[in-house]
Amino acid sequence: LKCLASYGLIDSNDFSKNIIRRTEKEVPKEILDKFEQTTDEETN
């Protein structure tokens, strides 16, 4: 989560309060494509 905060993908101020909030920064398309590749267990 610290890594995601350093990339600006989650809000670092909220993270310091134990709240995880997604920022407006776009996730790279290559990673989003990987998210689509799920097993049945992961889907469940």
PDB file of all heavy atoms in Angstrom:
ATOM      1  N   LEU A   1       0.825  -1.212   0.000  1.00  0.00           N
ATOM      2  CA  LEU A   1       0.000   0.000   0.000  1.00  0.00           C
ATOM      3  C   LEU A   1       0.858   1.262   0.000  1.00  0.00           C
ATOM      4  O   LEU A   1       0.502   2.254  -0.644  1.00  0.00           O
ATOM      5  CB  LEU A   1      -0.957  -0.019   1.188  1.00  0.00           C
ATOM      6  CG  LEU A   1      -2.063  -1.070   1.079  1.00  0.00           C
ATOM      7  CD1 LEU A   1      -2.790  -1.240   2.398  1.00  0.00           C
ATOM      8  CD2 LEU A   1      -3.034  -0.715  -0.038  1.00  0.00           C
ATOM      9  N   LYS A   2       1.993   1.222   0.683  1.00  0.00           N
ATOM     10  CA  LYS A   2       2.922   2.364   0.628  1.00  0.00           C
ATOM     11  C   LYS A   2       3.436   2.553  -0.791  1.00  0.00           C
ATOM     12  O   LYS A   2       3.592   3.688  -1.257  1.00  0.00           O
ATOM     13  CB  LYS A   2       4.087   2.147   1.593  1.00  0.00           C
ATOM     14  CG  LYS A   2       3.722   2.346   3.039  1.00  0.00           C
ATOM     15  CD  LYS A   2       4.917   2.123   3.940  1.00  0.00           C
ATOM     16  CE  LYS A   2       4.545   2.314   5.400  1.00  0.00           C
ATOM     17  NZ  LYS A   2       5.688   2.050   6.298  1.00  0.00           N
ATOM     18  N   CYS A   3       3.683   1.459  -1.467  1.00  0.00           N
ATOM     19  CA  CYS A   3       4.126   1.524  -2.864  1.00  0.00           C
ATOM     20  C   CYS A   3       3.044   2.161  -3.736  1.00  0.00           C
ATOM     21  O   CYS A   3       3.333   3.051  -4.542  1.00  0.00           O
ATOM     22  CB  CYS A   3       4.465   0.118  -3.355  1.00  0.00           C
ATOM     23  SG  CYS A   3       5.002   0.041  -5.057  1.00  0.00           S
ATOM     24  N   LEU A   4       1.798   1.725  -3.556  1.00  0.00           N
ATOM     25  CA  LEU A   4       0.690   2.311  -4.327  1.00  0.00           C
ATOM     26  C   LEU A   4       0.504   3.784  -4.006  1.00  0.00           C
ATOM     27  O   LEU A   4       0.185   4.580  -4.897  1.00  0.00           O
ATOM     28  CB  LEU A   4      -0.601   1.529  -4.061  1.00  0.00           C
ATOM     29  CG  LEU A   4      -0.640   0.096  -4.596  1.00  0.00           C
ATOM     30  CD1 LEU A   4      -1.915  -0.600  -4.155  1.00  0.00           C
ATOM     31  CD2 LEU A   4      -0.506   0.083  -6.106  1.00  0.00           C
ATOM     32  N   ALA A   5       0.738   4.165  -2.751  1.00  0.00           N
ATOM     33  CA  ALA A   5       0.648   5.581  -2.368  1.00  0.00           C
ATOM     34  C   ALA A   5       1.772   6.372  -3.023  1.00  0.00           C
ATOM     35  O   ALA A   5       1.558   7.504  -3.470  1.00  0.00           O
ATOM     36  CB  ALA A   5       0.697   5.718  -0.852  1.00  0.00           C
ATOM     37  N   SER A   6       2.964   5.791  -3.102  1.00  0.00           N
ATOM     38  CA  SER A   6       4.090   6.500  -3.715  1.00  0.00           C
ATOM     39  C   SER A   6       3.865   6.712  -5.216  1.00  0.00           C
ATOM     40  O   SER A   6       4.344   7.681  -5.782  1.00  0.00           O
ATOM     41  CB  SER A   6       5.406   5.756  -3.475  1.00  0.00           C
ATOM     42  OG  SER A   6       5.467   4.576  -4.247  1.00  0.00           O
ATOM     43  N   TYR A   7       3.126   5.799  -5.858  1.00  0.00           N
ATOM     44  CA  TYR A   7       2.787   5.952  -7.272  1.00  0.00           C
ATOM     45  C   TYR A   7       1.590   6.870  -7.474  1.00  0.00           C
ATOM     46  O   TYR A   7       1.217   7.169  -8.597  1.00  0.00           O
ATOM     47  CB  TYR A   7       2.489   4.596  -7.924  1.00  0.00           C
ATOM     48  CG  TYR A   7       3.708   3.746  -8.157  1.00  0.00           C
ATOM     49  CD1 TYR A   7       3.726   2.418  -7.752  1.00  0.00           C
ATOM     50  CD2 TYR A   7       4.834   4.244  -8.783  1.00  0.00           C
ATOM     51  CE1 TYR A   7       4.835   1.620  -7.958  1.00  0.00           C
ATOM     52  CE2 TYR A   7       5.949   3.469  -9.001  1.00  0.00           C
ATOM     53  CZ  TYR A   7       5.943   2.157  -8.591  1.00  0.00           C
ATOM     54  OH  TYR A   7       7.041   1.378  -8.802  1.00  0.00           O
ATOM     55  N   GLY A   8       0.953   7.275  -6.376  1.00  0.00           N
ATOM     56  CA  GLY A   8      -0.197   8.161  -6.471  1.00  0.00           C
ATOM     57  C   GLY A   8      -1.499   7.455  -6.804  1.00  0.00           C
ATOM     58  O   GLY A   8      -2.466   8.092  -7.198  1.00  0.00           O
ATOM     59  N   LEU A   9      -1.542   6.130  -6.660  1.00  0.00           N
ATOM     60  CA  LEU A   9      -2.753   5.379  -6.973  1.00  0.00           C
ATOM     61  C   LEU A   9      -3.733   5.332  -5.804  1.00  0.00           C
ATOM     62  O   LEU A   9      -4.921   5.091  -6.001  1.00  0.00           O
ATOM     63  CB  LEU A   9      -2.394   3.960  -7.429  1.00  0.00           C
ATOM     64  CG  LEU A   9      -1.650   3.913  -8.762  1.00  0.00           C
ATOM     65  CD1 LEU A   9      -1.055   2.541  -9.009  1.00  0.00           C
ATOM     66  CD2 LEU A   9      -2.575   4.306  -9.906  1.00  0.00           C
ATOM     67  N   ILE A  10      -3.216   5.541  -4.573  1.00  0.00           N
ATOM     68  CA  ILE A  10      -4.096   5.700  -3.412  1.00  0.00           C
ATOM     69  C   ILE A  10      -3.686   6.970  -2.685  1.00  0.00           C
ATOM     70  O   ILE A  10      -2.544   7.424  -2.793  1.00  0.00           O
ATOM     71  CB  ILE A  10      -4.064   4.473  -2.458  1.00  0.00           C
ATOM     72  CG1 ILE A  10      -2.694   4.283  -1.834  1.00  0.00           C
ATOM     73  CG2 ILE A  10      -4.550   3.227  -3.150  1.00  0.00           C
ATOM     74  CD1 ILE A  10      -2.664   3.234  -0.725  1.00  0.00           C
ATOM     75  N   ASP A  11      -4.616   7.525  -1.949  1.00  0.00           N
ATOM     76  CA  ASP A  11      -4.390   8.776  -1.235  1.00  0.00           C
ATOM     77  C   ASP A  11      -3.509   8.518  -0.011  1.00  0.00           C
ATOM     78  O   ASP A  11      -3.881   7.754   0.880  1.00  0.00           O
ATOM     79  CB  ASP A  11      -5.732   9.361  -0.815  1.00  0.00           C
ATOM     80  CG  ASP A  11      -5.590  10.748  -0.245  1.00  0.00           C
ATOM     81  OD1 ASP A  11      -5.080  10.856   0.887  1.00  0.00           O
ATOM     82  OD2 ASP A  11      -5.986  11.711  -0.918  1.00  0.00           O
ATOM     83  N   SER A  12      -2.335   9.150   0.044  1.00  0.00           N
ATOM     84  CA  SER A  12      -1.398   8.914   1.142  1.00  0.00           C
ATOM     85  C   SER A  12      -1.865   9.523   2.460  1.00  0.00           C
ATOM     86  O   SER A  12      -1.570   8.989   3.529  1.00  0.00           O
ATOM     87  CB  SER A  12       0.003   9.416   0.783  1.00  0.00           C
ATOM     88  OG  SER A  12      -0.038  10.773   0.458  1.00  0.00           O
ATOM     89  N   ASN A  13      -2.606  10.633   2.411  1.00  0.00           N
ATOM     90  CA  ASN A  13      -3.124  11.231   3.651  1.00  0.00           C
ATOM     91  C   ASN A  13      -4.154  10.329   4.313  1.00  0.00           C
ATOM     92  O   ASN A  13      -4.133  10.143   5.533  1.00  0.00           O
ATOM     93  CB  ASN A  13      -3.744  12.608   3.382  1.00  0.00           C
ATOM     94  CG  ASN A  13      -2.699  13.631   2.978  1.00  0.00           C
ATOM     95  OD1 ASN A  13      -1.559  13.566   3.413  1.00  0.00           O
ATOM     96  ND2 ASN A  13      -3.093  14.552   2.123  1.00  0.00           N
ATOM     97  N   ASP A  14      -5.049   9.770   3.525  1.00  0.00           N
ATOM     98  CA  ASP A  14      -6.037   8.843   4.074  1.00  0.00           C
ATOM     99  C   ASP A  14      -5.378   7.550   4.539  1.00  0.00           C
ATOM    100  O   ASP A  14      -5.784   6.960   5.538  1.00  0.00           O
ATOM    101  CB  ASP A  14      -7.125   8.523   3.044  1.00  0.00           C
ATOM    102  CG  ASP A  14      -8.094   9.663   2.852  1.00  0.00           C
ATOM    103  OD1 ASP A  14      -8.215  10.503   3.767  1.00  0.00           O
ATOM    104  OD2 ASP A  14      -8.733   9.730   1.786  1.00  0.00           O
ATOM    105  N   PHE A  15      -4.362   7.115   3.816  1.00  0.00           N
ATOM    106  CA  PHE A  15      -3.656   5.886   4.195  1.00  0.00           C
ATOM    107  C   PHE A  15      -3.042   6.019   5.589  1.00  0.00           C
ATOM    108  O   PHE A  15      -3.048   5.065   6.371  1.00  0.00           O
ATOM    109  CB  PHE A  15      -2.585   5.540   3.160  1.00  0.00           C
ATOM    110  CG  PHE A  15      -1.758   4.345   3.510  1.00  0.00           C
ATOM    111  CD1 PHE A  15      -2.346   3.114   3.761  1.00  0.00           C
ATOM    112  CD2 PHE A  15      -0.380   4.440   3.587  1.00  0.00           C
ATOM    113  CE1 PHE A  15      -1.579   2.002   4.092  1.00  0.00           C
ATOM    114  CE2 PHE A  15       0.390   3.344   3.915  1.00  0.00           C
ATOM    115  CZ  PHE A  15      -0.212   2.120   4.163  1.00  0.00           C
ATOM    116  N   SER A  16      -2.553   7.208   5.921  1.00  0.00           N
ATOM    117  CA  SER A  16      -1.985   7.415   7.257  1.00  0.00           C
ATOM    118  C   SER A  16      -3.056   7.308   8.347  1.00  0.00           C
ATOM    119  O   SER A  16      -2.735   7.099   9.517  1.00  0.00           O
ATOM    120  CB  SER A  16      -1.279   8.769   7.338  1.00  0.00           C
ATOM    121  OG  SER A  16      -2.214   9.814   7.201  1.00  0.00           O
ATOM    122  N   LYS A  17      -4.346   7.399   7.954  1.00  0.00           N
ATOM    123  CA  LYS A  17      -5.470   7.250   8.894  1.00  0.00           C
ATOM    124  C   LYS A  17      -6.115   5.869   8.772  1.00  0.00           C
ATOM    125  O   LYS A  17      -7.247   5.664   9.207  1.00  0.00           O
ATOM    126  CB  LYS A  17      -6.517   8.323   8.625  1.00  0.00           C
ATOM    127  CG  LYS A  17      -6.001   9.734   8.768  1.00  0.00           C
ATOM    128  CD  LYS A  17      -7.041  10.721   8.283  1.00  0.00           C
ATOM    129  CE  LYS A  17      -6.414  12.096   8.156  1.00  0.00           C
ATOM    130  NZ  LYS A  17      -7.203  12.979   7.301  1.00  0.00           N
ATOM    131  N   ASN A  18      -5.416   4.934   8.115  1.00  0.00           N
ATOM    132  CA  ASN A  18      -5.900   3.558   7.902  1.00  0.00           C
ATOM    133  C   ASN A  18      -7.140   3.483   7.019  1.00  0.00           C
ATOM    134  O   ASN A  18      -7.956   2.581   7.150  1.00  0.00           O
ATOM    135  CB  ASN A  18      -6.145   2.833   9.226  1.00  0.00           C
ATOM    136  CG  ASN A  18      -4.859   2.570   9.975  1.00  0.00           C
ATOM    137  OD1 ASN A  18      -3.789   2.478   9.374  1.00  0.00           O
ATOM    138  ND2 ASN A  18      -4.946   2.463  11.277  1.00  0.00           N
ATOM    139  N   ILE A  19      -7.270   4.461   6.125  1.00  0.00           N
ATOM    140  CA  ILE A  19      -8.339   4.472   5.123  1.00  0.00           C
ATOM    141  C   ILE A  19      -7.679   4.400   3.747  1.00  0.00           C
ATOM    142  O   ILE A  19      -6.743   5.149   3.465  1.00  0.00           O
ATOM    143  CB  ILE A  19      -9.192   5.765   5.217  1.00  0.00           C
ATOM    144  CG1 ILE A  19      -9.854   5.889   6.581  1.00  0.00           C
ATOM    145  CG2 ILE A  19     -10.215   5.841   4.092  1.00  0.00           C
ATOM    146  CD1 ILE A  19     -10.940   4.879   6.858  1.00  0.00           C
ATOM    147  N   ILE A  20      -8.178   3.499   2.916  1.00  0.00           N
ATOM    148  CA  ILE A  20      -7.621   3.343   1.575  1.00  0.00           C
ATOM    149  C   ILE A  20      -8.617   3.924   0.585  1.00  0.00           C
ATOM    150  O   ILE A  20      -9.746   3.453   0.475  1.00  0.00           O
ATOM    151  CB  ILE A  20      -7.346   1.849   1.254  1.00  0.00           C
ATOM    152  CG1 ILE A  20      -6.575   1.164   2.381  1.00  0.00           C
ATOM    153  CG2 ILE A  20      -6.639   1.722  -0.089  1.00  0.00           C
ATOM    154  CD1 ILE A  20      -5.277   1.816   2.766  1.00  0.00           C
ATOM    155  N   ARG A  21      -8.176   4.969  -0.114  1.00  0.00           N
ATOM    156  CA  ARG A  21      -9.029   5.654  -1.082  1.00  0.00           C
ATOM    157  C   ARG A  21      -8.262   5.755  -2.403  1.00  0.00           C
ATOM    158  O   ARG A  21      -7.147   6.227  -2.453  1.00  0.00           O
ATOM    159  CB  ARG A  21      -9.386   7.046  -0.578  1.00  0.00           C
ATOM    160  CG  ARG A  21     -10.342   7.805  -1.458  1.00  0.00           C
ATOM    161  CD  ARG A  21     -10.589   9.225  -0.962  1.00  0.00           C
ATOM    162  NE  ARG A  21     -10.838   9.312   0.461  1.00  0.00           N
ATOM    163  CZ  ARG A  21     -12.052   9.270   1.015  1.00  0.00           C
ATOM    164  NH1 ARG A  21     -13.108   9.137   0.253  1.00  0.00           N
ATOM    165  NH2 ARG A  21     -12.200   9.366   2.324  1.00  0.00           N
ATOM    166  N   ARG A  22      -8.901   5.310  -3.453  1.00  0.00           N
ATOM    167  CA  ARG A  22      -8.323   5.373  -4.788  1.00  0.00           C
ATOM    168  C   ARG A  22      -8.282   6.818  -5.260  1.00  0.00           C
ATOM    169  O   ARG A  22      -9.221   7.577  -5.021  1.00  0.00           O
ATOM    170  CB  ARG A  22      -9.230   4.562  -5.678  1.00  0.00           C
ATOM    171  CG  ARG A  22      -8.819   3.859  -6.843  1.00  0.00           C
ATOM    172  CD  ARG A  22      -7.606   3.176  -7.117  1.00  0.00           C
ATOM    173  NE  ARG A  22      -7.549   3.098  -8.577  1.00  0.00           N
ATOM    174  CZ  ARG A  22      -6.868   3.941  -9.309  1.00  0.00           C
ATOM    175  NH1 ARG A  22      -6.142   4.873  -8.779  1.00  0.00           N
ATOM    176  NH2 ARG A  22      -6.889   3.840 -10.603  1.00  0.00           N
ATOM    177  N   THR A  23      -7.208   7.201  -5.925  1.00  0.00           N
ATOM    178  CA  THR A  23      -7.098   8.543  -6.498  1.00  0.00           C
ATOM    179  C   THR A  23      -7.613   8.511  -7.937  1.00  0.00           C
ATOM    180  O   THR A  23      -8.016   7.468  -8.443  1.00  0.00           O
ATOM    181  CB  THR A  23      -5.633   9.029  -6.482  1.00  0.00           C
ATOM    182  OG1 THR A  23      -4.849   8.137  -7.291  1.00  0.00           O
ATOM    183  CG2 THR A  23      -5.085   9.083  -5.072  1.00  0.00           C
ATOM    184  N   GLU A  24      -7.548   9.657  -8.584  1.00  0.00           N
ATOM    185  CA  GLU A  24      -8.008   9.763  -9.966  1.00  0.00           C
ATOM    186  C   GLU A  24      -6.964   9.267 -10.973  1.00  0.00           C
ATOM    187  O   GLU A  24      -7.254   9.161 -12.162  1.00  0.00           O
ATOM    188  CB  GLU A  24      -8.359  11.224 -10.288  1.00  0.00           C
ATOM    189  CG  GLU A  24      -9.502  11.774  -9.457  1.00  0.00           C
ATOM    190  CD  GLU A  24     -10.798  11.029  -9.685  1.00  0.00           C
ATOM    191  OE1 GLU A  24     -11.108  10.694 -10.850  1.00  0.00           O
ATOM    192  OE2 GLU A  24     -11.504  10.770  -8.694  1.00  0.00           O
ATOM    193  N   LYS A  25      -5.769   8.978 -10.504  1.00  0.00           N
ATOM    194  CA  LYS A  25      -4.706   8.535 -11.410  1.00  0.00           C
ATOM    195  C   LYS A  25      -5.098   7.222 -12.086  1.00  0.00           C
ATOM    196  O   LYS A  25      -5.569   6.291 -11.444  1.00  0.00           O
ATOM    197  CB  LYS A  25      -3.390   8.362 -10.649  1.00  0.00           C
ATOM    198  CG  LYS A  25      -2.228   8.067 -11.555  1.00  0.00           C
ATOM    199  CD  LYS A  25      -0.919   8.138 -10.831  1.00  0.00           C
ATOM    200  CE  LYS A  25       0.222   7.894 -11.806  1.00  0.00           C
ATOM    201  NZ  LYS A  25       1.497   7.968 -11.156  1.00  0.00           N
ATOM    202  N   GLU A  26      -4.884   7.174 -13.381  1.00  0.00           N
ATOM    203  CA  GLU A  26      -5.261   6.010 -14.182  1.00  0.00           C
ATOM    204  C   GLU A  26      -4.310   4.843 -13.933  1.00  0.00           C
ATOM    205  O   GLU A  26      -3.093   5.031 -13.845  1.00  0.00           O
ATOM    206  CB  GLU A  26      -5.233   6.355 -15.672  1.00  0.00           C
ATOM    207  CG  GLU A  26      -6.310   7.308 -16.104  1.00  0.00           C
ATOM    208  CD  GLU A  26      -7.686   6.679 -16.078  1.00  0.00           C
ATOM    209  OE1 GLU A  26      -7.807   5.487 -16.429  1.00  0.00           O
ATOM    210  OE2 GLU A  26      -8.633   7.378 -15.690  1.00  0.00           O
ATOM    211  N   VAL A  27      -4.879   3.649 -13.855  1.00  0.00           N
ATOM    212  CA  VAL A  27      -4.088   2.425 -13.783  1.00  0.00           C
ATOM    213  C   VAL A  27      -3.673   2.094 -15.214  1.00  0.00           C
ATOM    214  O   VAL A  27      -4.505   2.168 -16.132  1.00  0.00           O
ATOM    215  CB  VAL A  27      -4.917   1.267 -13.179  1.00  0.00           C
ATOM    216  CG1 VAL A  27      -4.129  -0.024 -13.176  1.00  0.00           C
ATOM    217  CG2 VAL A  27      -5.381   1.627 -11.779  1.00  0.00           C
ATOM    218  N   PRO A  28      -2.409   1.755 -15.442  1.00  0.00           N
ATOM    219  CA  PRO A  28      -1.975   1.422 -16.809  1.00  0.00           C
ATOM    220  C   PRO A  28      -2.826   0.311 -17.439  1.00  0.00           C
ATOM    221  O   PRO A  28      -3.241  -0.635 -16.759  1.00  0.00           O
ATOM    222  CB  PRO A  28      -0.525   0.960 -16.615  1.00  0.00           C
ATOM    223  CG  PRO A  28      -0.094   1.617 -15.346  1.00  0.00           C
ATOM    224  CD  PRO A  28      -1.311   1.704 -14.488  1.00  0.00           C
ATOM    225  N   LYS A  29      -3.076   0.445 -18.731  1.00  0.00           N
ATOM    226  CA  LYS A  29      -3.938  -0.489 -19.447  1.00  0.00           C
ATOM    227  C   LYS A  29      -3.413  -1.918 -19.371  1.00  0.00           C
ATOM    228  O   LYS A  29      -4.192  -2.864 -19.275  1.00  0.00           O
ATOM    229  CB  LYS A  29      -4.086  -0.056 -20.900  1.00  0.00           C
ATOM    230  CG  LYS A  29      -5.063  -0.931 -21.669  1.00  0.00           C
ATOM    231  CD  LYS A  29      -5.265  -0.462 -23.069  1.00  0.00           C
ATOM    232  CE  LYS A  29      -6.187  -1.298 -23.897  1.00  0.00           C
ATOM    233  NZ  LYS A  29      -6.533  -2.596 -23.478  1.00  0.00           N
ATOM    234  N   GLU A  30      -2.109  -2.103 -19.381  1.00  0.00           N
ATOM    235  CA  GLU A  30      -1.528  -3.458 -19.313  1.00  0.00           C
ATOM    236  C   GLU A  30      -1.934  -4.156 -18.011  1.00  0.00           C
ATOM    237  O   GLU A  30      -2.219  -5.351 -18.000  1.00  0.00           O
ATOM    238  CB  GLU A  30       0.002  -3.414 -19.406  1.00  0.00           C
ATOM    239  CG  GLU A  30       0.555  -2.831 -20.689  1.00  0.00           C
ATOM    240  CD  GLU A  30       0.604  -1.313 -20.668  1.00  0.00           C
ATOM    241  OE1 GLU A  30       0.798  -0.714 -19.594  1.00  0.00           O
ATOM    242  OE2 GLU A  30       0.429  -0.720 -21.741  1.00  0.00           O
ATOM    243  N   ILE A  31      -1.973  -3.395 -16.934  1.00  0.00           N
ATOM    244  CA  ILE A  31      -2.359  -3.968 -15.641  1.00  0.00           C
ATOM    245  C   ILE A  31      -3.852  -4.250 -15.618  1.00  0.00           C
ATOM    246  O   ILE A  31      -4.290  -5.300 -15.138  1.00  0.00           O
ATOM    247  CB  ILE A  31      -1.934  -3.037 -14.486  1.00  0.00           C
ATOM    248  CG1 ILE A  31      -0.402  -2.952 -14.439  1.00  0.00           C
ATOM    249  CG2 ILE A  31      -2.484  -3.526 -13.157  1.00  0.00           C
ATOM    250  CD1 ILE A  31       0.141  -1.978 -13.432  1.00  0.00           C
ATOM    251  N   LEU A  32      -4.648  -3.334 -16.159  1.00  0.00           N
ATOM    252  CA  LEU A  32      -6.100  -3.556 -16.228  1.00  0.00           C
ATOM    253  C   LEU A  32      -6.425  -4.808 -17.045  1.00  0.00           C
ATOM    254  O   LEU A  32      -7.345  -5.557 -16.713  1.00  0.00           O
ATOM    255  CB  LEU A  32      -6.813  -2.340 -16.811  1.00  0.00           C
ATOM    256  CG  LEU A  32      -6.869  -1.097 -15.925  1.00  0.00           C
ATOM    257  CD1 LEU A  32      -7.468   0.077 -16.691  1.00  0.00           C
ATOM    258  CD2 LEU A  32      -7.643  -1.367 -14.652  1.00  0.00           C
ATOM    259  N   ASP A  33      -5.656  -5.037 -18.103  1.00  0.00           N
ATOM    260  CA  ASP A  33      -5.855  -6.246 -18.903  1.00  0.00           C
ATOM    261  C   ASP A  33      -5.557  -7.496 -18.086  1.00  0.00           C
ATOM    262  O   ASP A  33      -6.240  -8.513 -18.211  1.00  0.00           O
ATOM    263  CB  ASP A  33      -4.977  -6.219 -20.152  1.00  0.00           C
ATOM    264  CG  ASP A  33      -5.424  -5.170 -21.152  1.00  0.00           C
ATOM    265  OD1 ASP A  33      -6.590  -4.699 -21.063  1.00  0.00           O
ATOM    266  OD2 ASP A  33      -4.610  -4.801 -22.027  1.00  0.00           O
ATOM    267  N   LYS A  34      -4.556  -7.432 -17.237  1.00  0.00           N
ATOM    268  CA  LYS A  34      -4.218  -8.567 -16.362  1.00  0.00           C
ATOM    269  C   LYS A  34      -5.324  -8.828 -15.346  1.00  0.00           C
ATOM    270  O   LYS A  34      -5.556  -9.966 -14.957  1.00  0.00           O
ATOM    271  CB  LYS A  34      -2.904  -8.322 -15.619  1.00  0.00           C
ATOM    272  CG  LYS A  34      -1.689  -8.267 -16.499  1.00  0.00           C
ATOM    273  CD  LYS A  34      -1.223  -9.649 -16.814  1.00  0.00           C
ATOM    274  CE  LYS A  34       0.107  -9.556 -17.553  1.00  0.00           C
ATOM    275  NZ  LYS A  34       0.454 -10.790 -18.208  1.00  0.00           N
ATOM    276  N   PHE A  35      -6.009  -7.765 -14.909  1.00  0.00           N
ATOM    277  CA  PHE A  35      -7.109  -7.921 -13.959  1.00  0.00           C
ATOM    278  C   PHE A  35      -8.237  -8.762 -14.554  1.00  0.00           C
ATOM    279  O   PHE A  35      -8.963  -9.437 -13.837  1.00  0.00           O
ATOM    280  CB  PHE A  35      -7.680  -6.570 -13.535  1.00  0.00           C
ATOM    281  CG  PHE A  35      -6.784  -5.763 -12.643  1.00  0.00           C
ATOM    282  CD1 PHE A  35      -7.069  -4.433 -12.397  1.00  0.00           C
ATOM    283  CD2 PHE A  35      -5.660  -6.301 -12.040  1.00  0.00           C
ATOM    284  CE1 PHE A  35      -6.263  -3.668 -11.565  1.00  0.00           C
ATOM    285  CE2 PHE A  35      -4.851  -5.550 -11.208  1.00  0.00           C
ATOM    286  CZ  PHE A  35      -5.153  -4.230 -10.978  1.00  0.00           C
ATOM    287  N   GLU A  36      -8.397  -8.681 -15.880  1.00  0.00           N
ATOM    288  CA  GLU A  36      -9.471  -9.412 -16.556  1.00  0.00           C
ATOM    289  C   GLU A  36      -9.217 -10.914 -16.579  1.00  0.00           C
ATOM    290  O   GLU A  36     -10.145 -11.701 -16.730  1.00  0.00           O
ATOM    291  CB  GLU A  36      -9.651  -8.894 -17.985  1.00  0.00           C
ATOM    292  CG  GLU A  36     -10.024  -7.431 -18.068  1.00  0.00           C
ATOM    293  CD  GLU A  36     -11.344  -7.133 -17.377  1.00  0.00           C
ATOM    294  OE1 GLU A  36     -12.283  -7.944 -17.501  1.00  0.00           O
ATOM    295  OE2 GLU A  36     -11.430  -6.095 -16.705  1.00  0.00           O
ATOM    296  N   GLN A  37      -7.964 -11.313 -16.426  1.00  0.00           N
ATOM    297  CA  GLN A  37      -7.609 -12.726 -16.462  1.00  0.00           C
ATOM    298  C   GLN A  37      -7.773 -13.317 -15.062  1.00  0.00           C
ATOM    299  O   GLN A  37      -6.849 -13.331 -14.271  1.00  0.00           O
ATOM    300  CB  GLN A  37      -6.167 -12.904 -16.938  1.00  0.00           C
ATOM    301  CG  GLN A  37      -5.884 -12.295 -18.280  1.00  0.00           C
ATOM    302  CD  GLN A  37      -4.399 -12.224 -18.581  1.00  0.00           C
ATOM    303  OE1 GLN A  37      -3.579 -12.745 -17.857  1.00  0.00           O
ATOM    304  NE2 GLN A  37      -4.073 -11.572 -19.677  1.00  0.00           N
ATOM    305  N   THR A  38      -8.975 -13.805 -14.769  1.00  0.00           N
ATOM    306  CA  THR A  38      -9.245 -14.335 -13.442  1.00  0.00           C
ATOM    307  C   THR A  38      -9.642 -15.800 -13.508  1.00  0.00           C
ATOM    308  O   THR A  38     -10.269 -16.243 -14.476  1.00  0.00           O
ATOM    309  CB  THR A  38     -10.372 -13.558 -12.734  1.00  0.00           C
ATOM    310  OG1 THR A  38     -11.553 -13.662 -13.508  1.00  0.00           O
ATOM    311  CG2 THR A  38     -10.020 -12.111 -12.533  1.00  0.00           C
ATOM    312  N   THR A  39      -9.290 -16.522 -12.468  1.00  0.00           N
ATOM    313  CA  THR A  39      -9.736 -17.902 -12.328  1.00  0.00           C
ATOM    314  C   THR A  39     -11.135 -17.893 -11.716  1.00  0.00           C
ATOM    315  O   THR A  39     -11.605 -16.858 -11.243  1.00  0.00           O
ATOM    316  CB  THR A  39      -8.781 -18.695 -11.418  1.00  0.00           C
ATOM    317  OG1 THR A  39      -8.827 -18.135 -10.101  1.00  0.00           O
ATOM    318  CG2 THR A  39      -7.355 -18.671 -11.945  1.00  0.00           C
ATOM    319  N   ASP A  40     -11.776 -19.047 -11.692  1.00  0.00           N
ATOM    320  CA  ASP A  40     -13.100 -19.138 -11.068  1.00  0.00           C
ATOM    321  C   ASP A  40     -13.022 -18.810  -9.582  1.00  0.00           C
ATOM    322  O   ASP A  40     -13.911 -18.150  -9.041  1.00  0.00           O
ATOM    323  CB  ASP A  40     -13.689 -20.543 -11.263  1.00  0.00           C
ATOM    324  CG  ASP A  40     -14.097 -20.800 -12.704  1.00  0.00           C
ATOM    325  OD1 ASP A  40     -14.288 -19.823 -13.450  1.00  0.00           O
ATOM    326  OD2 ASP A  40     -14.225 -21.985 -13.077  1.00  0.00           O
ATOM    327  N   GLU A  41     -11.973 -19.274  -8.913  1.00  0.00           N
ATOM    328  CA  GLU A  41     -11.811 -18.992  -7.482  1.00  0.00           C
ATOM    329  C   GLU A  41     -11.686 -17.496  -7.235  1.00  0.00           C
ATOM    330  O   GLU A  41     -12.301 -16.958  -6.317  1.00  0.00           O
ATOM    331  CB  GLU A  41     -10.572 -19.697  -6.928  1.00  0.00           C
ATOM    332  CG  GLU A  41     -10.749 -21.176  -6.710  1.00  0.00           C
ATOM    333  CD  GLU A  41      -9.512 -21.808  -6.097  1.00  0.00           C
ATOM    334  OE1 GLU A  41      -8.380 -21.315  -6.361  1.00  0.00           O
ATOM    335  OE2 GLU A  41      -9.674 -22.777  -5.359  1.00  0.00           O
ATOM    336  N   GLU A  42     -10.875 -16.821  -8.049  1.00  0.00           N
ATOM    337  CA  GLU A  42     -10.699 -15.376  -7.893  1.00  0.00           C
ATOM    338  C   GLU A  42     -12.009 -14.638  -8.156  1.00  0.00           C
ATOM    339  O   GLU A  42     -12.346 -13.688  -7.449  1.00  0.00           O
ATOM    340  CB  GLU A  42      -9.607 -14.865  -8.831  1.00  0.00           C
ATOM    341  CG  GLU A  42      -8.228 -15.334  -8.456  1.00  0.00           C
ATOM    342  CD  GLU A  42      -7.182 -15.012  -9.509  1.00  0.00           C
ATOM    343  OE1 GLU A  42      -7.537 -14.879 -10.703  1.00  0.00           O
ATOM    344  OE2 GLU A  42      -6.007 -14.904  -9.136  1.00  0.00           O
ATOM    345  N   THR A  43     -12.767 -15.074  -9.142  1.00  0.00           N
ATOM    346  CA  THR A  43     -14.059 -14.469  -9.441  1.00  0.00           C
ATOM    347  C   THR A  43     -15.000 -14.614  -8.249  1.00  0.00           C
ATOM    348  O   THR A  43     -15.699 -13.663  -7.877  1.00  0.00           O
ATOM    349  CB  THR A  43     -14.680 -15.108 -10.702  1.00  0.00           C
ATOM    350  OG1 THR A  43     -13.768 -14.949 -11.789  1.00  0.00           O
ATOM    351  CG2 THR A  43     -16.016 -14.474 -11.047  1.00  0.00           C
ATOM    352  N   ASN A  44     -15.004 -15.785  -7.626  1.00  0.00           N
ATOM    353  CA  ASN A  44     -15.855 -16.004  -6.453  1.00  0.00           C
ATOM    354  C   ASN A  44     -15.423 -15.124  -5.282  1.00  0.00           C
ATOM    355  O   ASN A  44     -16.264 -14.601  -4.559  1.00  0.00           O
ATOM    356  CB  ASN A  44     -15.838 -17.474  -6.053  1.00  0.00           C
ATOM    357  CG  ASN A  44     -16.579 -18.346  -7.044  1.00  0.00           C
ATOM    358  OD1 ASN A  44     -17.438 -17.881  -7.774  1.00  0.00           O
ATOM    359  ND2 ASN A  44     -16.225 -19.620  -7.080  1.00  0.00           N
TER     360      ASN A  44
END
